[in-house]
Amino acid sequence: MHTIGFAICGSFCTLEKALQQMEILSRKYGILPIMSYNAYQTDTRFGRAQEHIARARAIAGHDVLHTLVDTEPIGPQHLADALVVCPCTGNTLSKLAAGITDTPVTLAVKSALRIGMPVVLCVASNDSLGASGPNLMRLLNTKHVYLVPLGQDDPEKKPTSLVADFSLVPRAVEAALEGRQLQPVFR
């Protein structure tokens, strides 16, 4: 059975969708849960951090990795077969495009990519068609990086926002494990 690293970033309004996808993936794969600093410690109107941590732990059956020391060995020790970043914020997206690895999630991605492990990004960002746009395109053209198909979630009120179709995470993971990008990328 494959193991999927499942990294959660602080797009707080999409955490429920992300945890649902983690649960769906856990029916077919082992899950290695990872959280960004913000996802691990921030309480918001969308839920308390400790509740999200407890739910991820219960789904995966493992403690949540949430430090640089925790996530660095993912690639070298082959702790997973693929890594999903769900949700992937514009901040994380931009750091990845620039090679900045100063958070548990960005270091997990670097650790995965250094051994050619597929990385699946499930983007949820209000500025994907703005400041983060060039970074999204750079990552779309990066070897071993795959996107969950995405589109504008509210073109009238949020014209620069793109959000992945979270229901496609399992299919995107399957495609990435086969070395291919699920199409069409933009819906």
N, C-alpha and C. Protein backbone atom coordinates (compact mmCIF):
# COMPACT_ATOMS: atom_id res chain seq x y z
N MET A 1 0.85 -1.19 0.00
CA MET A 1 0.00 0.00 0.00
C MET A 1 0.89 1.24 0.00
N HIS A 2 0.53 2.22 -0.82
CA HIS A 2 1.24 3.50 -0.86
C HIS A 2 0.93 4.31 0.40
N THR A 3 1.88 5.16 0.76
CA THR A 3 1.67 6.14 1.82
C THR A 3 1.68 7.52 1.19
N ILE A 4 0.71 8.33 1.56
CA ILE A 4 0.58 9.68 1.05
C ILE A 4 0.85 10.67 2.18
N GLY A 5 1.85 11.53 1.99
CA GLY A 5 2.03 12.64 2.90
C GLY A 5 0.92 13.64 2.60
N PHE A 6 0.23 14.09 3.62
CA PHE A 6 -0.89 15.01 3.41
C PHE A 6 -0.61 16.26 4.23
N ALA A 7 -0.19 17.33 3.53
CA ALA A 7 0.21 18.57 4.19
C ALA A 7 -0.91 19.60 4.11
N ILE A 8 -1.25 20.16 5.25
CA ILE A 8 -2.34 21.12 5.37
C ILE A 8 -1.77 22.50 5.67
N CYS A 9 -2.14 23.48 4.85
CA CYS A 9 -1.75 24.87 5.07
C CYS A 9 -2.95 25.67 5.57
N GLY A 10 -2.73 26.95 5.86
CA GLY A 10 -3.73 27.77 6.52
C GLY A 10 -4.75 28.47 5.66
N SER A 11 -5.26 27.84 4.64
CA SER A 11 -6.43 28.39 3.96
C SER A 11 -7.63 27.91 4.78
N PHE A 12 -7.87 28.61 5.87
CA PHE A 12 -8.76 28.11 6.92
C PHE A 12 -10.17 27.81 6.44
N CYS A 13 -10.66 28.56 5.48
CA CYS A 13 -12.03 28.33 5.00
C CYS A 13 -12.15 27.03 4.22
N THR A 14 -11.03 26.41 3.84
CA THR A 14 -11.08 25.14 3.09
C THR A 14 -10.58 23.95 3.91
N LEU A 15 -10.28 24.14 5.19
CA LEU A 15 -9.74 23.03 5.99
C LEU A 15 -10.72 21.86 6.10
N GLU A 16 -11.99 22.14 6.20
CA GLU A 16 -12.97 21.05 6.27
C GLU A 16 -12.92 20.20 5.00
N LYS A 17 -12.88 20.86 3.84
CA LYS A 17 -12.78 20.13 2.57
C LYS A 17 -11.50 19.31 2.52
N ALA A 18 -10.41 19.89 3.00
CA ALA A 18 -9.12 19.20 2.99
C ALA A 18 -9.18 17.95 3.87
N LEU A 19 -9.72 18.08 5.05
CA LEU A 19 -9.80 16.93 5.95
C LEU A 19 -10.72 15.84 5.39
N GLN A 20 -11.76 16.24 4.67
CA GLN A 20 -12.62 15.25 4.00
C GLN A 20 -11.81 14.46 2.97
N GLN A 21 -10.96 15.16 2.22
CA GLN A 21 -10.14 14.48 1.21
C GLN A 21 -9.09 13.57 1.86
N MET A 22 -8.54 14.02 3.00
CA MET A 22 -7.61 13.16 3.73
C MET A 22 -8.31 11.87 4.13
N GLU A 23 -9.53 12.00 4.61
CA GLU A 23 -10.29 10.81 5.01
C GLU A 23 -10.56 9.89 3.83
N ILE A 24 -10.94 10.45 2.70
CA ILE A 24 -11.18 9.63 1.49
C ILE A 24 -9.89 8.91 1.08
N LEU A 25 -8.78 9.63 1.07
CA LEU A 25 -7.51 9.00 0.69
C LEU A 25 -7.11 7.89 1.66
N SER A 26 -7.47 8.05 2.93
CA SER A 26 -7.08 7.06 3.94
C SER A 26 -7.74 5.70 3.72
N ARG A 27 -8.77 5.67 2.91
CA ARG A 27 -9.44 4.39 2.60
C ARG A 27 -8.62 3.55 1.63
N LYS A 28 -7.70 4.20 0.93
CA LYS A 28 -6.89 3.49 -0.07
C LYS A 28 -5.40 3.53 0.24
N TYR A 29 -4.95 4.55 0.99
CA TYR A 29 -3.53 4.76 1.24
C TYR A 29 -3.28 4.97 2.73
N GLY A 30 -2.05 4.70 3.14
CA GLY A 30 -1.62 5.15 4.45
C GLY A 30 -1.44 6.67 4.38
N ILE A 31 -1.66 7.37 5.48
CA ILE A 31 -1.58 8.83 5.49
C ILE A 31 -0.53 9.27 6.50
N LEU A 32 0.35 10.16 6.07
CA LEU A 32 1.33 10.81 6.94
C LEU A 32 0.90 12.28 7.04
N PRO A 33 0.28 12.68 8.16
CA PRO A 33 -0.26 14.04 8.25
C PRO A 33 0.82 15.07 8.60
N ILE A 34 0.72 16.22 7.93
CA ILE A 34 1.66 17.32 8.11
C ILE A 34 0.84 18.61 8.19
N MET A 35 1.27 19.54 9.03
CA MET A 35 0.59 20.84 9.09
C MET A 35 1.61 21.96 9.11
N SER A 36 1.23 23.06 8.45
CA SER A 36 2.03 24.27 8.52
C SER A 36 1.94 24.84 9.93
N TYR A 37 2.84 25.76 10.22
CA TYR A 37 2.79 26.41 11.53
C TYR A 37 1.42 27.02 11.78
N ASN A 38 0.90 27.75 10.78
CA ASN A 38 -0.39 28.43 10.97
C ASN A 38 -1.54 27.45 11.14
N ALA A 39 -1.58 26.41 10.33
CA ALA A 39 -2.66 25.43 10.47
C ALA A 39 -2.59 24.72 11.81
N TYR A 40 -1.37 24.52 12.32
CA TYR A 40 -1.18 23.78 13.56
C TYR A 40 -1.53 24.59 14.80
N GLN A 41 -1.44 25.92 14.72
CA GLN A 41 -1.59 26.69 15.96
C GLN A 41 -2.64 27.79 15.94
N THR A 42 -3.35 27.99 14.83
CA THR A 42 -4.25 29.13 14.74
C THR A 42 -5.71 28.70 14.85
N ASP A 43 -6.40 29.29 15.81
CA ASP A 43 -7.85 29.12 15.94
C ASP A 43 -8.52 30.22 15.11
N THR A 44 -9.55 29.85 14.36
CA THR A 44 -10.27 30.83 13.54
C THR A 44 -11.76 30.58 13.65
N ARG A 45 -12.53 31.38 12.95
CA ARG A 45 -13.98 31.17 12.93
C ARG A 45 -14.33 29.87 12.20
N PHE A 46 -13.35 29.26 11.52
CA PHE A 46 -13.58 28.00 10.81
C PHE A 46 -13.20 26.79 11.66
N GLY A 47 -12.79 27.01 12.90
CA GLY A 47 -12.48 25.90 13.80
C GLY A 47 -11.22 26.14 14.61
N ARG A 48 -11.10 25.33 15.64
CA ARG A 48 -9.95 25.42 16.53
C ARG A 48 -8.84 24.51 16.02
N ALA A 49 -7.61 24.97 16.15
CA ALA A 49 -6.46 24.20 15.68
C ALA A 49 -6.42 22.82 16.31
N GLN A 50 -6.66 22.73 17.60
CA GLN A 50 -6.60 21.43 18.28
C GLN A 50 -7.64 20.45 17.73
N GLU A 51 -8.77 20.96 17.29
CA GLU A 51 -9.79 20.08 16.69
C GLU A 51 -9.31 19.54 15.35
N HIS A 52 -8.68 20.40 14.55
CA HIS A 52 -8.15 19.96 13.24
C HIS A 52 -7.02 18.95 13.45
N ILE A 53 -6.16 19.21 14.41
CA ILE A 53 -5.05 18.30 14.71
C ILE A 53 -5.59 16.94 15.13
N ALA A 54 -6.57 16.96 16.04
CA ALA A 54 -7.14 15.71 16.53
C ALA A 54 -7.80 14.92 15.39
N ARG A 55 -8.47 15.62 14.52
CA ARG A 55 -9.14 14.93 13.40
C ARG A 55 -8.12 14.33 12.44
N ALA A 56 -7.06 15.10 12.11
CA ALA A 56 -6.01 14.57 11.22
C ALA A 56 -5.34 13.36 11.86
N ARG A 57 -5.05 13.44 13.14
CA ARG A 57 -4.43 12.33 13.87
C ARG A 57 -5.33 11.09 13.84
N ALA A 58 -6.62 11.30 14.04
CA ALA A 58 -7.56 10.17 14.04
C ALA A 58 -7.66 9.53 12.65
N ILE A 59 -7.68 10.33 11.62
CA ILE A 59 -7.76 9.80 10.25
C ILE A 59 -6.52 8.99 9.91
N ALA A 60 -5.35 9.55 10.25
CA ALA A 60 -4.08 8.95 9.84
C ALA A 60 -3.59 7.86 10.79
N GLY A 61 -3.98 7.96 12.05
CA GLY A 61 -3.44 7.04 13.03
C GLY A 61 -2.01 7.36 13.41
N HIS A 62 -1.58 8.60 13.13
CA HIS A 62 -0.22 9.06 13.43
C HIS A 62 -0.29 10.47 13.98
N ASP A 63 0.71 10.85 14.76
CA ASP A 63 0.83 12.24 15.17
C ASP A 63 1.07 13.11 13.94
N VAL A 64 0.67 14.35 14.01
CA VAL A 64 0.84 15.31 12.92
C VAL A 64 2.27 15.86 12.95
N LEU A 65 2.96 15.78 11.83
CA LEU A 65 4.28 16.40 11.71
C LEU A 65 4.08 17.90 11.57
N HIS A 66 4.78 18.70 12.37
CA HIS A 66 4.54 20.14 12.33
C HIS A 66 5.78 20.99 12.59
N THR A 67 6.94 20.38 12.48
CA THR A 67 8.19 21.14 12.63
C THR A 67 9.11 20.82 11.46
N LEU A 68 10.13 21.64 11.31
CA LEU A 68 11.13 21.39 10.27
C LEU A 68 11.83 20.06 10.50
N VAL A 69 12.16 19.78 11.74
CA VAL A 69 12.84 18.52 12.08
C VAL A 69 11.95 17.33 11.72
N ASP A 70 10.65 17.45 11.95
CA ASP A 70 9.71 16.37 11.62
C ASP A 70 9.68 16.06 10.13
N THR A 71 9.68 17.11 9.30
CA THR A 71 9.40 16.91 7.88
C THR A 71 10.62 16.71 7.00
N GLU A 72 11.79 17.09 7.45
CA GLU A 72 12.99 16.96 6.61
C GLU A 72 13.25 15.53 6.15
N PRO A 73 13.03 14.50 6.99
CA PRO A 73 13.34 13.13 6.56
C PRO A 73 12.36 12.50 5.57
N ILE A 74 11.27 13.16 5.25
CA ILE A 74 10.25 12.55 4.40
C ILE A 74 10.83 11.98 3.12
N GLY A 75 11.62 12.74 2.40
CA GLY A 75 12.22 12.25 1.17
C GLY A 75 13.35 11.26 1.40
N PRO A 76 14.40 11.67 2.11
CA PRO A 76 15.55 10.77 2.27
C PRO A 76 15.20 9.42 2.91
N GLN A 77 14.24 9.41 3.81
CA GLN A 77 13.87 8.15 4.46
C GLN A 77 12.68 7.47 3.78
N HIS A 78 12.24 8.03 2.64
CA HIS A 78 11.13 7.46 1.86
C HIS A 78 9.91 7.17 2.75
N LEU A 79 9.50 8.18 3.51
CA LEU A 79 8.38 8.03 4.42
C LEU A 79 7.03 8.08 3.71
N ALA A 80 7.03 8.49 2.44
CA ALA A 80 5.80 8.56 1.65
C ALA A 80 6.13 8.27 0.20
N ASP A 81 5.08 7.97 -0.56
CA ASP A 81 5.23 7.72 -2.00
C ASP A 81 4.80 8.91 -2.83
N ALA A 82 4.02 9.79 -2.23
CA ALA A 82 3.59 11.04 -2.86
C ALA A 82 3.26 12.01 -1.73
N LEU A 83 3.28 13.28 -2.06
CA LEU A 83 2.97 14.31 -1.08
C LEU A 83 1.88 15.21 -1.65
N VAL A 84 0.82 15.40 -0.88
CA VAL A 84 -0.28 16.29 -1.25
C VAL A 84 -0.22 17.51 -0.35
N VAL A 85 -0.32 18.70 -0.93
CA VAL A 85 -0.45 19.93 -0.15
C VAL A 85 -1.88 20.41 -0.38
N CYS A 86 -2.70 20.28 0.67
CA CYS A 86 -4.14 20.51 0.54
C CYS A 86 -4.70 21.08 1.83
N PRO A 87 -5.05 22.33 1.86
CA PRO A 87 -4.96 23.31 0.80
C PRO A 87 -3.54 23.87 0.68
N CYS A 88 -3.21 24.32 -0.51
CA CYS A 88 -1.95 25.01 -0.77
C CYS A 88 -2.26 26.49 -0.93
N THR A 89 -1.84 27.28 0.03
CA THR A 89 -2.11 28.72 0.01
C THR A 89 -1.22 29.43 -1.02
N GLY A 90 -1.58 30.66 -1.34
CA GLY A 90 -0.74 31.48 -2.21
C GLY A 90 0.62 31.72 -1.60
N ASN A 91 0.68 31.86 -0.29
CA ASN A 91 1.95 32.05 0.40
C ASN A 91 2.85 30.84 0.22
N THR A 92 2.32 29.65 0.46
CA THR A 92 3.11 28.43 0.29
C THR A 92 3.48 28.23 -1.17
N LEU A 93 2.54 28.46 -2.06
CA LEU A 93 2.79 28.35 -3.49
C LEU A 93 3.96 29.23 -3.91
N SER A 94 3.96 30.46 -3.45
CA SER A 94 5.02 31.41 -3.82
C SER A 94 6.35 31.03 -3.21
N LYS A 95 6.34 30.55 -1.98
CA LYS A 95 7.59 30.09 -1.36
C LYS A 95 8.17 28.91 -2.12
N LEU A 96 7.31 27.97 -2.51
CA LEU A 96 7.79 26.82 -3.27
C LEU A 96 8.40 27.24 -4.60
N ALA A 97 7.76 28.17 -5.29
CA ALA A 97 8.27 28.63 -6.58
C ALA A 97 9.61 29.33 -6.43
N ALA A 98 9.83 29.97 -5.29
CA ALA A 98 11.08 30.69 -5.04
C ALA A 98 12.13 29.83 -4.35
N GLY A 99 11.79 28.59 -4.02
CA GLY A 99 12.75 27.71 -3.35
C GLY A 99 12.93 28.02 -1.87
N ILE A 100 11.96 28.66 -1.26
CA ILE A 100 12.03 28.99 0.16
C ILE A 100 11.44 27.83 0.96
N THR A 101 12.22 27.30 1.89
CA THR A 101 11.80 26.12 2.63
C THR A 101 11.88 26.36 4.14
N ASP A 102 11.17 27.38 4.60
CA ASP A 102 11.25 27.77 6.01
C ASP A 102 10.02 27.38 6.83
N THR A 103 9.18 26.50 6.31
CA THR A 103 8.02 26.01 7.05
C THR A 103 8.00 24.49 6.95
N PRO A 104 7.27 23.82 7.83
CA PRO A 104 7.18 22.37 7.74
C PRO A 104 6.67 21.88 6.38
N VAL A 105 5.71 22.59 5.80
CA VAL A 105 5.15 22.16 4.52
C VAL A 105 6.14 22.40 3.37
N THR A 106 6.75 23.57 3.32
CA THR A 106 7.69 23.83 2.21
C THR A 106 8.92 22.92 2.31
N LEU A 107 9.36 22.61 3.53
CA LEU A 107 10.49 21.69 3.67
C LEU A 107 10.08 20.27 3.30
N ALA A 108 8.84 19.89 3.62
CA ALA A 108 8.35 18.57 3.21
C ALA A 108 8.36 18.45 1.69
N VAL A 109 7.92 19.51 1.00
CA VAL A 109 7.92 19.49 -0.47
C VAL A 109 9.34 19.39 -1.00
N LYS A 110 10.26 20.19 -0.47
CA LYS A 110 11.65 20.11 -0.90
C LYS A 110 12.20 18.71 -0.68
N SER A 111 11.91 18.14 0.48
CA SER A 111 12.38 16.82 0.83
C SER A 111 11.84 15.77 -0.16
N ALA A 112 10.59 15.93 -0.55
CA ALA A 112 9.97 15.01 -1.51
C ALA A 112 10.58 15.17 -2.90
N LEU A 113 10.70 16.41 -3.34
CA LEU A 113 11.20 16.66 -4.70
C LEU A 113 12.66 16.24 -4.87
N ARG A 114 13.43 16.29 -3.79
CA ARG A 114 14.84 15.93 -3.93
C ARG A 114 15.04 14.48 -4.31
N ILE A 115 14.02 13.64 -4.09
CA ILE A 115 14.13 12.24 -4.50
C ILE A 115 13.18 11.91 -5.66
N GLY A 116 12.56 12.94 -6.24
CA GLY A 116 11.66 12.72 -7.38
C GLY A 116 10.29 12.22 -6.99
N MET A 117 9.89 12.43 -5.74
CA MET A 117 8.55 12.03 -5.29
C MET A 117 7.51 12.98 -5.88
N PRO A 118 6.39 12.47 -6.37
CA PRO A 118 5.35 13.37 -6.88
C PRO A 118 4.76 14.23 -5.77
N VAL A 119 4.55 15.50 -6.10
CA VAL A 119 3.95 16.47 -5.19
C VAL A 119 2.69 17.01 -5.87
N VAL A 120 1.56 16.89 -5.19
CA VAL A 120 0.27 17.32 -5.72
C VAL A 120 -0.19 18.55 -4.94
N LEU A 121 -0.38 19.66 -5.64
CA LEU A 121 -0.81 20.90 -5.00
C LEU A 121 -2.29 21.13 -5.24
N CYS A 122 -3.02 21.29 -4.16
CA CYS A 122 -4.45 21.59 -4.21
C CYS A 122 -4.60 23.06 -3.80
N VAL A 123 -4.53 23.93 -4.78
CA VAL A 123 -4.43 25.38 -4.56
C VAL A 123 -5.76 25.96 -4.08
N ALA A 124 -5.65 26.85 -3.10
CA ALA A 124 -6.78 27.66 -2.64
C ALA A 124 -6.21 29.02 -2.28
N SER A 125 -6.32 29.97 -3.22
CA SER A 125 -5.67 31.26 -3.01
C SER A 125 -6.47 32.38 -3.66
N ASN A 126 -6.65 33.47 -2.90
CA ASN A 126 -7.37 34.62 -3.43
C ASN A 126 -6.56 35.44 -4.43
N ASP A 127 -5.26 35.13 -4.58
CA ASP A 127 -4.45 35.92 -5.51
C ASP A 127 -3.75 35.08 -6.57
N SER A 128 -4.31 33.92 -6.89
CA SER A 128 -3.71 33.05 -7.91
C SER A 128 -3.67 33.68 -9.30
N LEU A 129 -4.60 34.58 -9.57
CA LEU A 129 -4.59 35.29 -10.85
C LEU A 129 -4.03 36.70 -10.66
N GLY A 130 -3.40 36.93 -9.54
CA GLY A 130 -2.75 38.20 -9.22
C GLY A 130 -1.29 37.95 -8.93
N ALA A 131 -0.86 38.34 -7.75
CA ALA A 131 0.55 38.25 -7.38
C ALA A 131 1.09 36.83 -7.42
N SER A 132 0.28 35.84 -7.09
CA SER A 132 0.77 34.45 -7.08
C SER A 132 0.71 33.79 -8.47
N GLY A 133 0.11 34.45 -9.44
CA GLY A 133 -0.04 33.86 -10.78
C GLY A 133 1.24 33.37 -11.41
N PRO A 134 2.29 34.20 -11.46
CA PRO A 134 3.55 33.72 -12.06
C PRO A 134 4.12 32.50 -11.32
N ASN A 135 3.93 32.46 -10.01
CA ASN A 135 4.43 31.34 -9.24
C ASN A 135 3.66 30.06 -9.53
N LEU A 136 2.36 30.19 -9.72
CA LEU A 136 1.54 29.04 -10.11
C LEU A 136 2.02 28.48 -11.44
N MET A 137 2.26 29.37 -12.40
CA MET A 137 2.72 28.91 -13.72
C MET A 137 4.11 28.28 -13.64
N ARG A 138 4.98 28.82 -12.81
CA ARG A 138 6.31 28.25 -12.64
C ARG A 138 6.20 26.82 -12.09
N LEU A 139 5.35 26.63 -11.10
CA LEU A 139 5.21 25.30 -10.51
C LEU A 139 4.52 24.32 -11.46
N LEU A 140 3.61 24.82 -12.28
CA LEU A 140 2.97 23.97 -13.27
C LEU A 140 4.00 23.38 -14.23
N ASN A 141 5.11 24.08 -14.40
CA ASN A 141 6.17 23.65 -15.30
C ASN A 141 7.35 23.03 -14.55
N THR A 142 7.14 22.62 -13.31
CA THR A 142 8.20 22.03 -12.50
C THR A 142 8.06 20.51 -12.47
N LYS A 143 9.15 19.83 -12.73
CA LYS A 143 9.14 18.37 -12.76
C LYS A 143 8.69 17.81 -11.41
N HIS A 144 7.82 16.82 -11.45
CA HIS A 144 7.28 16.10 -10.30
C HIS A 144 6.24 16.90 -9.50
N VAL A 145 5.85 18.07 -10.00
CA VAL A 145 4.79 18.85 -9.35
C VAL A 145 3.54 18.76 -10.21
N TYR A 146 2.43 18.44 -9.58
CA TYR A 146 1.15 18.27 -10.25
C TYR A 146 0.10 19.12 -9.54
N LEU A 147 -0.86 19.61 -10.29
CA LEU A 147 -1.93 20.43 -9.72
C LEU A 147 -3.24 19.67 -9.73
N VAL A 148 -4.00 19.82 -8.66
CA VAL A 148 -5.39 19.40 -8.69
C VAL A 148 -6.11 20.42 -9.57
N PRO A 149 -6.89 19.99 -10.57
CA PRO A 149 -7.56 20.95 -11.45
C PRO A 149 -8.29 22.04 -10.66
N LEU A 150 -8.20 23.26 -11.20
CA LEU A 150 -8.71 24.42 -10.46
C LEU A 150 -9.39 25.41 -11.38
N GLY A 151 -10.12 26.32 -10.76
CA GLY A 151 -10.81 27.36 -11.51
C GLY A 151 -11.21 28.50 -10.59
N GLN A 152 -11.78 29.52 -11.19
CA GLN A 152 -12.25 30.67 -10.41
C GLN A 152 -13.45 30.25 -9.57
N ASP A 153 -13.41 30.60 -8.30
CA ASP A 153 -14.50 30.21 -7.41
C ASP A 153 -15.58 31.28 -7.31
N ASP A 154 -15.23 32.54 -7.55
CA ASP A 154 -16.21 33.62 -7.49
C ASP A 154 -15.69 34.79 -8.33
N PRO A 155 -15.78 34.70 -9.67
CA PRO A 155 -15.19 35.71 -10.55
C PRO A 155 -15.72 37.13 -10.33
N GLU A 156 -16.93 37.26 -9.86
CA GLU A 156 -17.50 38.60 -9.66
C GLU A 156 -16.93 39.27 -8.41
N LYS A 157 -16.93 38.57 -7.30
CA LYS A 157 -16.50 39.16 -6.04
C LYS A 157 -15.01 38.99 -5.77
N LYS A 158 -14.40 37.94 -6.34
CA LYS A 158 -12.98 37.66 -6.12
C LYS A 158 -12.34 37.32 -7.47
N PRO A 159 -12.12 38.31 -8.33
CA PRO A 159 -11.68 38.04 -9.70
C PRO A 159 -10.27 37.44 -9.82
N THR A 160 -9.44 37.51 -8.78
CA THR A 160 -8.10 36.92 -8.89
C THR A 160 -7.98 35.60 -8.12
N SER A 161 -9.09 35.09 -7.61
CA SER A 161 -9.08 33.88 -6.79
C SER A 161 -9.21 32.62 -7.65
N LEU A 162 -8.40 31.62 -7.32
CA LEU A 162 -8.53 30.28 -7.91
C LEU A 162 -8.57 29.27 -6.78
N VAL A 163 -9.44 28.29 -6.92
CA VAL A 163 -9.53 27.21 -5.94
C VAL A 163 -9.63 25.90 -6.69
N ALA A 164 -8.85 24.92 -6.21
CA ALA A 164 -8.90 23.59 -6.81
C ALA A 164 -10.23 22.93 -6.52
N ASP A 165 -10.59 22.00 -7.35
CA ASP A 165 -11.77 21.16 -7.13
C ASP A 165 -11.33 20.05 -6.17
N PHE A 166 -11.58 20.24 -4.89
CA PHE A 166 -11.10 19.32 -3.86
C PHE A 166 -11.56 17.89 -4.12
N SER A 167 -12.72 17.71 -4.75
CA SER A 167 -13.22 16.36 -5.00
C SER A 167 -12.32 15.59 -5.96
N LEU A 168 -11.42 16.29 -6.66
CA LEU A 168 -10.52 15.64 -7.61
C LEU A 168 -9.18 15.25 -7.00
N VAL A 169 -8.99 15.50 -5.70
CA VAL A 169 -7.72 15.15 -5.06
C VAL A 169 -7.37 13.67 -5.27
N PRO A 170 -8.28 12.73 -5.00
CA PRO A 170 -7.91 11.32 -5.19
C PRO A 170 -7.48 10.99 -6.63
N ARG A 171 -8.20 11.52 -7.61
CA ARG A 171 -7.83 11.26 -9.00
C ARG A 171 -6.50 11.93 -9.35
N ALA A 172 -6.25 13.12 -8.81
CA ALA A 172 -4.98 13.80 -9.06
C ALA A 172 -3.81 13.03 -8.45
N VAL A 173 -4.03 12.45 -7.28
CA VAL A 173 -2.99 11.63 -6.65
C VAL A 173 -2.70 10.40 -7.49
N GLU A 174 -3.75 9.71 -7.93
CA GLU A 174 -3.56 8.53 -8.77
C GLU A 174 -2.78 8.87 -10.03
N ALA A 175 -3.14 9.98 -10.67
CA ALA A 175 -2.44 10.40 -11.89
C ALA A 175 -0.98 10.72 -11.58
N ALA A 176 -0.73 11.43 -10.50
CA ALA A 176 0.65 11.80 -10.13
C ALA A 176 1.49 10.56 -9.85
N LEU A 177 0.91 9.57 -9.19
CA LEU A 177 1.65 8.33 -8.94
C LEU A 177 2.01 7.62 -10.24
N GLU A 178 1.24 7.91 -11.30
CA GLU A 178 1.54 7.38 -12.63
C GLU A 178 2.41 8.32 -13.44
N GLY A 179 2.78 9.47 -12.86
CA GLY A 179 3.65 10.43 -13.53
C GLY A 179 2.94 11.32 -14.53
N ARG A 180 1.65 11.56 -14.34
CA ARG A 180 0.93 12.41 -15.29
C ARG A 180 0.05 13.43 -14.56
N GLN A 181 -0.19 14.53 -15.25
CA GLN A 181 -1.04 15.60 -14.75
C GLN A 181 -2.49 15.34 -15.12
N LEU A 182 -3.37 15.36 -14.14
CA LEU A 182 -4.81 15.22 -14.40
C LEU A 182 -5.26 16.42 -15.23
N GLN A 183 -6.02 16.16 -16.30
CA GLN A 183 -6.44 17.20 -17.22
C GLN A 183 -7.96 17.36 -17.20
N PRO A 184 -8.50 18.49 -17.60
CA PRO A 184 -7.79 19.74 -17.84
C PRO A 184 -7.37 20.38 -16.52
N VAL A 185 -6.27 21.11 -16.54
CA VAL A 185 -5.76 21.76 -15.33
C VAL A 185 -6.68 22.89 -14.90
N PHE A 186 -7.12 23.69 -15.88
CA PHE A 186 -7.99 24.83 -15.57
C PHE A 186 -9.39 24.55 -16.07
N ARG A 187 -10.37 24.72 -15.19
CA ARG A 187 -11.77 24.40 -15.51
C ARG A 187 -12.61 25.64 -15.55
